[in-house]
Amino acid sequence: MITIRCAKCKTKLFRYLKIGKGQVRHLWPSRIQEDNSIHDGNMIKCPCGNEIGKDEQKYINLKRSAFTHTGRKFG
């Protein structure tokens, strides 16, 4: 389980089950355990206004410089 936070204000946005060794580039909705983000149309934002990513329906495509993550990846 990893925690994804806003790079600007450090607000906790997602708790996500990361499987595999790769980088965190997008989130699969079925693996999101907790969602504290704001969904503005198809844009995903932090409460501070920082744009985190875009909802592509199948997955959430993240902006690499907009977030940080901590925790353990499985697999």
C-alpha atoms as a PDB file:
ATOM      1  CA  MET A   1       0.000   0.000   0.000  1.00  0.00           C
ATOM      2  CA  ILE A   2       1.378   3.421  -0.913  1.00  0.00           C
ATOM      3  CA  THR A   3       0.259   6.911   0.064  1.00  0.00           C
ATOM      4  CA  ILE A   4       0.142   9.546  -2.666  1.00  0.00           C
ATOM      5  CA  ARG A   5       0.466  13.169  -1.515  1.00  0.00           C
ATOM      6  CA  CYS A   6       0.362  16.562  -3.221  1.00  0.00           C
ATOM      7  CA  ALA A   7       3.870  17.854  -4.013  1.00  0.00           C
ATOM      8  CA  LYS A   8       2.908  21.433  -3.058  1.00  0.00           C
ATOM      9  CA  CYS A   9       0.999  21.144   0.227  1.00  0.00           C
ATOM     10  CA  LYS A  10       1.669  17.482   1.220  1.00  0.00           C
ATOM     11  CA  THR A  11      -2.058  16.718   1.595  1.00  0.00           C
ATOM     12  CA  LYS A  12      -2.815  12.984   1.529  1.00  0.00           C
ATOM     13  CA  LEU A  13      -4.731  12.312  -1.700  1.00  0.00           C
ATOM     14  CA  PHE A  14      -4.815   8.542  -2.252  1.00  0.00           C
ATOM     15  CA  ARG A  15      -4.118   5.233  -0.514  1.00  0.00           C
ATOM     16  CA  TYR A  16      -3.309   2.878  -3.371  1.00  0.00           C
ATOM     17  CA  LEU A  17      -2.418  -0.794  -3.699  1.00  0.00           C
ATOM     18  CA  LYS A  18       0.667  -0.735  -5.952  1.00  0.00           C
ATOM     19  CA  ILE A  19       1.515  -4.085  -7.500  1.00  0.00           C
ATOM     20  CA  GLY A  20       4.772  -4.545  -9.391  1.00  0.00           C
ATOM     21  CA  LYS A  21       8.145  -2.831  -9.521  1.00  0.00           C
ATOM     22  CA  GLY A  22       7.422  -0.045 -12.005  1.00  0.00           C
ATOM     23  CA  GLN A  23       7.000   3.658 -11.425  1.00  0.00           C
ATOM     24  CA  VAL A  24       3.712   5.211 -10.323  1.00  0.00           C
ATOM     25  CA  ARG A  25       2.393   6.708 -13.578  1.00  0.00           C
ATOM     26  CA  HIS A  26      -1.298   5.965 -13.378  1.00  0.00           C
ATOM     27  CA  LEU A  27      -3.823   4.599 -10.891  1.00  0.00           C
ATOM     28  CA  TRP A  28      -6.323   1.832 -11.537  1.00  0.00           C
ATOM     29  CA  PRO A  29      -9.650   2.741  -9.839  1.00  0.00           C
ATOM     30  CA  SER A  30     -10.161  -0.791  -8.491  1.00  0.00           C
ATOM     31  CA  ARG A  31      -6.922  -0.521  -6.449  1.00  0.00           C
ATOM     32  CA  ILE A  32      -7.675   2.867  -4.848  1.00  0.00           C
ATOM     33  CA  GLN A  33      -8.511   2.269  -1.183  1.00  0.00           C
ATOM     34  CA  GLU A  34      -9.024   5.920  -0.150  1.00  0.00           C
ATOM     35  CA  ASP A  35      -9.618   8.987  -2.335  1.00  0.00           C
ATOM     36  CA  ASN A  36      -9.337  12.508  -0.850  1.00  0.00           C
ATOM     37  CA  SER A  37      -8.884  14.307  -4.164  1.00  0.00           C
ATOM     38  CA  ILE A  38     -11.268  16.676  -5.935  1.00  0.00           C
ATOM     39  CA  HIS A  39     -12.726  15.504  -9.265  1.00  0.00           C
ATOM     40  CA  ASP A  40     -13.369  18.537 -11.491  1.00  0.00           C
ATOM     41  CA  GLY A  41     -14.786  17.060 -14.710  1.00  0.00           C
ATOM     42  CA  ASN A  42     -12.038  14.730 -15.886  1.00  0.00           C
ATOM     43  CA  MET A  43      -9.279  16.593 -13.985  1.00  0.00           C
ATOM     44  CA  ILE A  44      -8.037  15.337 -10.602  1.00  0.00           C
ATOM     45  CA  LYS A  45      -6.987  18.126  -8.217  1.00  0.00           C
ATOM     46  CA  CYS A  46      -5.726  18.619  -4.695  1.00  0.00           C
ATOM     47  CA  PRO A  47      -7.808  20.850  -2.386  1.00  0.00           C
ATOM     48  CA  CYS A  48      -4.976  23.443  -2.692  1.00  0.00           C
ATOM     49  CA  GLY A  49      -5.684  23.664  -6.444  1.00  0.00           C
ATOM     50  CA  ASN A  50      -2.668  21.684  -7.693  1.00  0.00           C
ATOM     51  CA  GLU A  51      -3.596  19.621 -10.764  1.00  0.00           C
ATOM     52  CA  ILE A  52      -2.605  15.996 -10.032  1.00  0.00           C
ATOM     53  CA  GLY A  53      -3.768  14.198 -13.158  1.00  0.00           C
ATOM     54  CA  LYS A  54      -6.487  13.388 -15.642  1.00  0.00           C
ATOM     55  CA  ASP A  55      -9.210  10.746 -15.397  1.00  0.00           C
ATOM     56  CA  GLU A  56      -9.002   8.660 -18.587  1.00  0.00           C
ATOM     57  CA  GLN A  57     -12.048   6.512 -17.554  1.00  0.00           C
ATOM     58  CA  LYS A  58      -9.990   3.288 -17.550  1.00  0.00           C
ATOM     59  CA  TYR A  59      -7.294   4.729 -15.235  1.00  0.00           C
ATOM     60  CA  ILE A  60      -6.090   8.029 -13.755  1.00  0.00           C
ATOM     61  CA  ASN A  61      -3.057   9.380 -15.616  1.00  0.00           C
ATOM     62  CA  LEU A  62      -0.833  11.243 -13.121  1.00  0.00           C
ATOM     63  CA  LYS A  63       1.447  14.247 -13.685  1.00  0.00           C
ATOM     64  CA  ARG A  64       4.872  13.153 -12.470  1.00  0.00           C
ATOM     65  CA  SER A  65       5.871  16.450 -10.833  1.00  0.00           C
ATOM     66  CA  ALA A  66       2.521  17.024  -9.092  1.00  0.00           C
ATOM     67  CA  PHE A  67       2.722  14.279  -6.435  1.00  0.00           C
ATOM     68  CA  THR A  68       5.010  12.330  -4.137  1.00  0.00           C
ATOM     69  CA  HIS A  69       4.514   8.817  -2.773  1.00  0.00           C
ATOM     70  CA  THR A  70       5.664   6.772   0.184  1.00  0.00           C
ATOM     71  CA  GLY A  71       5.058   3.188   1.189  1.00  0.00           C
ATOM     72  CA  ARG A  72       5.763  -0.288  -0.060  1.00  0.00           C
ATOM     73  CA  LYS A  73       5.150  -1.699  -3.518  1.00  0.00           C
ATOM     74  CA  PHE A  74       4.033  -5.308  -3.754  1.00  0.00           C
ATOM     75  CA  GLY A  75       5.432  -7.714  -6.300  1.00  0.00           C
END
